Amino acid sequence: PGALVATCVIDAAAEWVAEAEALLPKPTTLAGEVDGAMAAFEADEKEVERQRKEMLGRPDADGFVTVMAGIKSKGAGKTARAGMAGPDAWGYVSENRRAKNRRGATEAKDFYSFQKREKQINELEELRKKFDADKERVQKMRESRVFRPV
């Protein structure tokens, strides 16, 4: 009787696994559906972006002009740079700020707290050495004084 129960349990488990696998889509079918959905989504996004750019600067049915956040209107004598958007396109971002942004991505000085601590300790040591050297120099100047008031 024990072997019969074990066999029934194994058969039931196998049937359950088969049913669960039948419910899941095949990987190739799923990949095709996902690719199709992503292509449709990207096409919709491109259409929305195209319509948004088309409406920029033109009055709508109520007579209002669409304004996009981050883009400033053209200043006197300024033209937008091709392929750029936002304040950078109109020349509102200074060259210094652009250079700083480029540098900031590559230079990370004293990123970790222990590096900051070591740098601070080294600076203090240098200051102490300079202070001691100055004290010695002042002492020598005092000793070498020719005229000493009485």
Protein backbone atom coordinates (compact mmCIF):
# COMPACT_ATOMS: atom_id res chain seq x y z
CA PRO A 1 0.00 0.00 0.00
CA GLY A 2 2.89 2.47 0.72
CA ALA A 3 4.37 2.03 -2.75
CA LEU A 4 0.97 2.59 -4.34
CA VAL A 5 0.53 5.89 -2.47
CA ALA A 6 4.05 7.03 -3.46
CA THR A 7 3.34 6.17 -7.10
CA CYS A 8 0.03 8.08 -7.01
CA VAL A 9 1.76 11.12 -5.48
CA ILE A 10 4.52 11.03 -8.09
CA ASP A 11 1.96 10.71 -10.90
CA ALA A 12 -0.10 13.60 -9.48
CA ALA A 13 3.00 15.76 -9.18
CA ALA A 14 4.02 14.94 -12.75
CA GLU A 15 0.53 15.85 -14.00
CA TRP A 16 0.62 19.13 -12.05
CA VAL A 17 4.05 20.00 -13.50
CA ALA A 18 2.82 19.18 -17.01
CA GLU A 19 -0.27 21.38 -16.53
CA ALA A 20 1.87 24.25 -15.21
CA GLU A 21 4.28 23.97 -18.15
CA ALA A 22 1.35 23.94 -20.58
CA LEU A 23 0.13 27.27 -19.13
CA LEU A 24 3.49 28.98 -19.72
CA PRO A 25 4.20 30.32 -23.24
CA LYS A 26 7.14 28.98 -25.21
CA PRO A 27 10.26 31.22 -25.03
CA THR A 28 10.31 31.85 -28.78
CA THR A 29 6.62 32.81 -28.81
CA LEU A 30 7.10 35.05 -25.79
CA ALA A 31 10.15 36.74 -27.36
CA GLY A 32 8.17 37.47 -30.53
CA GLU A 33 5.27 38.96 -28.57
CA VAL A 34 7.61 41.11 -26.47
CA ASP A 35 9.49 42.36 -29.54
CA GLY A 36 6.20 43.25 -31.24
CA ALA A 37 4.92 45.08 -28.17
CA MET A 38 8.19 47.01 -27.77
CA ALA A 39 8.20 47.99 -31.46
CA ALA A 40 4.61 49.28 -31.14
CA PHE A 41 5.49 51.17 -27.94
CA GLU A 42 8.56 52.80 -29.51
CA ALA A 43 6.52 53.78 -32.58
CA ASP A 44 3.88 55.38 -30.32
CA GLU A 45 6.59 57.23 -28.37
CA LYS A 46 8.15 58.56 -31.57
CA GLU A 47 4.75 59.74 -32.78
CA VAL A 48 4.04 61.52 -29.48
CA GLU A 49 7.48 63.18 -29.56
CA ARG A 50 6.97 64.24 -33.18
CA GLN A 51 3.58 65.77 -32.35
CA ARG A 52 5.01 67.52 -29.30
CA LYS A 53 7.86 69.04 -31.31
CA GLU A 54 5.41 70.02 -34.04
CA MET A 55 3.24 71.89 -31.53
CA LEU A 56 6.21 73.71 -29.98
CA GLY A 57 5.96 77.38 -30.82
CA ARG A 58 2.61 77.13 -32.59
CA PRO A 59 -0.63 78.32 -31.01
CA ASP A 60 -3.20 75.61 -30.32
CA ALA A 61 -6.99 75.85 -30.85
CA ASP A 62 -7.33 78.23 -27.89
CA GLY A 63 -4.50 80.46 -29.05
CA PHE A 64 -1.97 79.31 -26.45
CA VAL A 65 1.60 78.49 -27.39
CA THR A 66 3.02 75.22 -26.05
CA VAL A 67 6.08 75.73 -23.87
CA MET A 68 8.39 72.83 -22.99
CA ALA A 69 10.14 72.73 -19.66
CA GLY A 70 13.89 73.29 -19.88
CA ILE A 71 13.87 75.03 -23.25
CA LYS A 72 14.19 78.78 -23.25
CA SER A 73 12.94 80.87 -26.10
CA LYS A 74 15.44 82.23 -28.58
CA GLY A 75 17.28 85.28 -27.34
CA ALA A 76 18.17 88.22 -29.53
CA GLY A 77 20.59 87.08 -32.20
CA LYS A 78 20.81 83.52 -30.89
CA THR A 79 20.02 80.42 -32.88
CA ALA A 80 19.62 76.87 -31.65
CA ARG A 81 22.49 74.49 -32.25
CA ALA A 82 21.63 71.52 -34.41
CA GLY A 83 20.90 68.28 -32.58
CA MET A 84 20.78 69.87 -29.12
CA ALA A 85 17.91 70.65 -26.81
CA GLY A 86 17.42 72.68 -23.68
CA PRO A 87 19.37 75.68 -22.46
CA ASP A 88 22.58 74.25 -23.91
CA ALA A 89 21.12 74.50 -27.43
CA TRP A 90 20.59 78.23 -27.08
CA GLY A 91 23.98 78.91 -25.53
CA TYR A 92 22.73 79.62 -22.02
CA VAL A 93 25.09 77.12 -20.39
CA SER A 94 28.55 78.58 -20.06
CA GLU A 95 31.58 76.78 -21.47
CA ASN A 96 33.05 76.66 -17.96
CA ARG A 97 30.00 74.81 -16.64
CA ARG A 98 30.12 72.35 -19.53
CA ALA A 99 33.81 71.69 -18.87
CA LYS A 100 33.10 71.23 -15.16
CA ASN A 101 30.37 68.70 -15.96
CA ARG A 102 32.73 66.78 -18.23
CA ARG A 103 35.50 66.78 -15.61
CA GLY A 104 33.18 65.81 -12.77
CA ALA A 105 32.41 62.46 -14.34
CA THR A 106 36.06 61.41 -14.47
CA GLU A 107 37.63 63.09 -11.44
CA ALA A 108 36.54 61.82 -8.05
CA LYS A 109 39.09 63.10 -5.54
CA ASP A 110 38.78 61.82 -2.00
CA PHE A 111 35.74 59.72 -2.76
CA TYR A 112 36.00 57.64 0.40
CA SER A 113 35.90 59.11 3.89
CA PHE A 114 39.22 57.49 4.87
CA GLN A 115 40.87 59.34 1.97
CA LYS A 116 39.52 62.64 3.27
CA ARG A 117 40.73 61.78 6.77
CA GLU A 118 44.24 60.88 5.51
CA LYS A 119 44.40 64.08 3.47
CA GLN A 120 43.42 66.13 6.52
CA ILE A 121 46.04 64.39 8.69
CA ASN A 122 48.74 64.99 6.07
CA GLU A 123 47.81 68.67 5.82
CA LEU A 124 48.01 69.04 9.61
CA GLU A 125 51.45 67.38 9.65
CA GLU A 126 52.68 69.81 6.99
CA LEU A 127 51.34 72.76 8.99
CA ARG A 128 53.10 71.51 12.15
CA LYS A 129 56.40 71.15 10.27
CA LYS A 130 56.07 74.66 8.86
CA PHE A 131 55.22 76.00 12.32
CA ASP A 132 58.28 74.34 13.86
CA ALA A 133 60.49 75.70 11.06
CA ASP A 134 59.08 79.19 11.62
CA LYS A 135 59.70 78.93 15.37
CA GLU A 136 63.33 77.98 14.75
CA ARG A 137 63.75 80.85 12.27
CA VAL A 138 62.28 83.35 14.72
CA GLN A 139 64.58 82.03 17.50
CA LYS A 140 67.65 82.45 15.26
CA MET A 141 66.55 85.97 14.34
CA ARG A 142 66.20 86.83 18.05
CA GLU A 143 69.66 85.42 18.85
CA SER A 144 71.32 87.21 15.95
CA ARG A 145 69.95 90.61 16.96
CA VAL A 146 72.83 93.09 17.29
CA PHE A 147 71.03 95.81 19.19
CA ARG A 148 69.38 94.68 22.36
CA PRO A 149 67.46 97.21 24.38
CA VAL A 150 68.34 97.26 28.07
